[in-house]
Structures are given as C-alpha cells and as structure tokens.
Amino acid sequence: MDGYRKITRQAESLVIFRSLHTDSVFESFLETLRAVDSDNTDKAIEKYCEFVALLYNSTDNLTEYFLRIMLENVNLYMLRKGEGKETGRHLDECLANELSVIETLAKIPASEIISKIDYDEFLPEYKTENLDFSQIYADRVHHIDQYGYGIYSRYHVFVIKNGKILPVEYPDDISLDQLSGYERERQEVIDNTLALLKGKPANNVLLYGDCGTGKSSTVKAIANEYCSQGLRLIELKKKQLHEIPAIVETISKNPLKFIIFIDDLSFTEDDDDFAALKAILEGSVSSTASNLAIYATSNRRHLVRETFSARQGDEIHFKDTMQELLSLSDRFGLTVTFQKPDKQLYLSVVEDLAKRYEIKTPIDEVKEKAEVFALARGGRSPRVAKQFIEYLKGCEER
C-alpha cells in the first residue's frame, strides 16, 4: 500500500506555494504523514501530537487552516495577478495542480491517520471540511482588488515598526454610524475616499479643527467602513515621515487602495520632517502611486508652530521663508475643518448618543446635565458628549 508517500512527494514538489513549507503546522503535518508511513509507532505518535498541538494554537479545523495560509500566501502567481499581468498556460497548470494537492492534504481526516497508528489509547482529533480550494482561490484572484493578498488579505489597519509594515490585530472598531454631528464635513472625506477606491483622482486630506471633534475617529471609521471594498490604512507617527518613500515602493503595485494616516500633525520651524512632508505633498508620491492618499489630522490650521522671534531673524528674504512654512497646509488638496460645536450641535450629539446608549434619564435632564459637564471640562465637543453619556450610563447601572 502506497500510504501517504504519493501526496507527501507532491507536497514536496510545490513551486508556486513552496513557501508553505516555512509554516510550522504545514510542515509538521507532512512529517506526521511520513512518520505514519514509516511504521514506527512511537515516532508516529510523537509527530502526530506535535502537529495537533501546533494546529490547536490557531484552530481545530485543518481544512480552515490550510485554506487560510494558502489564501494569504504571497507568491509569483498572486503578484502577477495583482499587477494585472498575464500568468501563462504553464503557470496556470502548475497552480491547478498545487491547489489540488493542498486541498487533498487539507481533507485528510484525523480518524484516518489515527487508524493507521498501532495505538489503542487516546489521541486528539481535529475537524475537516469539504471545501473547493480551486473555486475559492479563483474567486479571490478575480476580486483581488477587494481582498488583496498576504497580510493585507487578513488585516486592514497597519503600523510601521522598524521599517516594516505590520498589522494591527485589534484596531479601533469605531463605525460611521457611531459618529454624530459634522455630517457635511465627514461626507467630504468619504467622497474623497470613494474616489480613491474607484481609481479616480483623490486628494491628500487635512482634517483640521479643535480637540475632540472627531477628526481621527472619522478616518478610522472610514477605514473600517470600506475595508471590504479594498481600503487599507497605514498609520504613521510624525517621526516616521521619512519612511513614506519605502512604503510607497512596497504598496504601489498592490491592487488595494491605501490611506497613509498621520495623526496630530504639527512641526517646529527647524523640524527636519517638514521638508519630507513638503516633498510628498508636492507630488512625489502621487506621481508614482495612484492607489494611495495621505490623510492627516491637526489642531492647527498652520501646521508649523510660528513664533514672533522667528519674524525678527537676520535672513534677507525671511518673508519667503515664513510664507513657505505657513503654506504647508495649502499643499493638501482638501482641507476639512471640524470647528468646536455650538450649544445646539453639542446637545444634538448628546441626544443621539443618549438614544444609542439607551439612557433612561429624561432627555431634558440629560441635556441640562450635559451642559454642566461640558462647562466643568472646559468646553463642548463630541468627545466630551461621549464621556458624559458613558458616565451617565455607568451611574444608571450602579
């Protein structure tokens, strides 16, 4: 009886999905099959239990696990499809064969393996499913501009660490329907984002305004709302602006659309990062990557902190220099202003949040207390409104 020799040899000959051998669960499973074929009971038990332990760290479903690592695999076939290039007959045939091999492996039931091990004591099992890997992969490739590949197919929010783009496991789950007020301002940002998703010209956006008005929440909520349509968000700190050229090079050929998000942006007069952002906004990025836009938030209309002493320097053409510093915000194609709310808007946000949190206190009393709360916090804002409603909700549940 051939046992598992044929399928393990086929797995060893993978070309497109060769990097799957670096996955510990995948390789441990192959070692298990080889051990079972060796008729060495002790070795088969050891390898099988090692494999199941590794699998259990992620799931108890072998088919689900193999499907996931296959779909997330960054390979030459997926890269060519992502760039809109032809793959050719040989590559297509190779893909079809390898998908069949991986599917066969993913459907080998635990009961079958256990039955081949000469051991009467307990051995842990796992689940399998009857899934069509070829059909699922074809659908993923056909909608690659929505799903993406690699880490971008599993996550939609990223940060930069040590020069690498890393996923955020648990991003802020704020949604657009949780945001109250500023509908007109928010719609401007949404419209620009939809243009980006449709492949139309999109502006770099500066969201300017007072603290707590929902600038950052707007960007994060938009990223959450449209991630299923192929939108991804990469958050940068100001000191990481020099990383943007490398980021652009990495994602410029990706079929997905990206927002590079810089929160709470401002500069001092002699800030080295000023020149980096200025060059980016003047077109060096947009000219090389049409699949991304820069969204920045700031509490300052003029992004460079200007002092009176700076105006008294000994530079001959200091007016030109000051104009360059103060005009940085004008280099954003779209500036959306989130002004501090007046009493009517503030109370409207309070009322909306009170309904959402199912506050039992009469609304007139809620509004009266909300005004007192805002005065104690130094002013009105959507953030203060949310803090008040959460405080009130906590009081009601005591």
Foldseek 3Di string as FASTA:
>chain_A
DCQCVVLLVLLCPQDQQNCCCVPPLVVLLSQLSVQLVVLPQVSNQVSQQVNCVVVVVPALQLLVVLLVCVQQDDGPVLLCLQLVHDDDDVSVVSVVSVLVSSNVSRADFPVVSVVSRPDDDDDDGGHYDDDRSVVVNVVCSVLCQQQPHHVLNVAFEWEADPLDTGGDPDDPLQAPVLDADPPVLLVVVLVLVVCLLVLHQHWAEEEEEAPQACQVVSVVNSSNVCSSSQEHEYEYELVCLVSVVVVLVVCQSGSGAYEYEYEAAAEELPDPSLVSLLVVLVCPRCVRHSRYHYYYYHHDLQRYDDDPVQVVDPDPVSVVSVCVSRCSSVSTPYYRYRYFDDLVRLLVLLVVVCVVLVQPPPSVVSSVVLVVQQVVVPHGHSRSSVVSSVVSSVVVVD
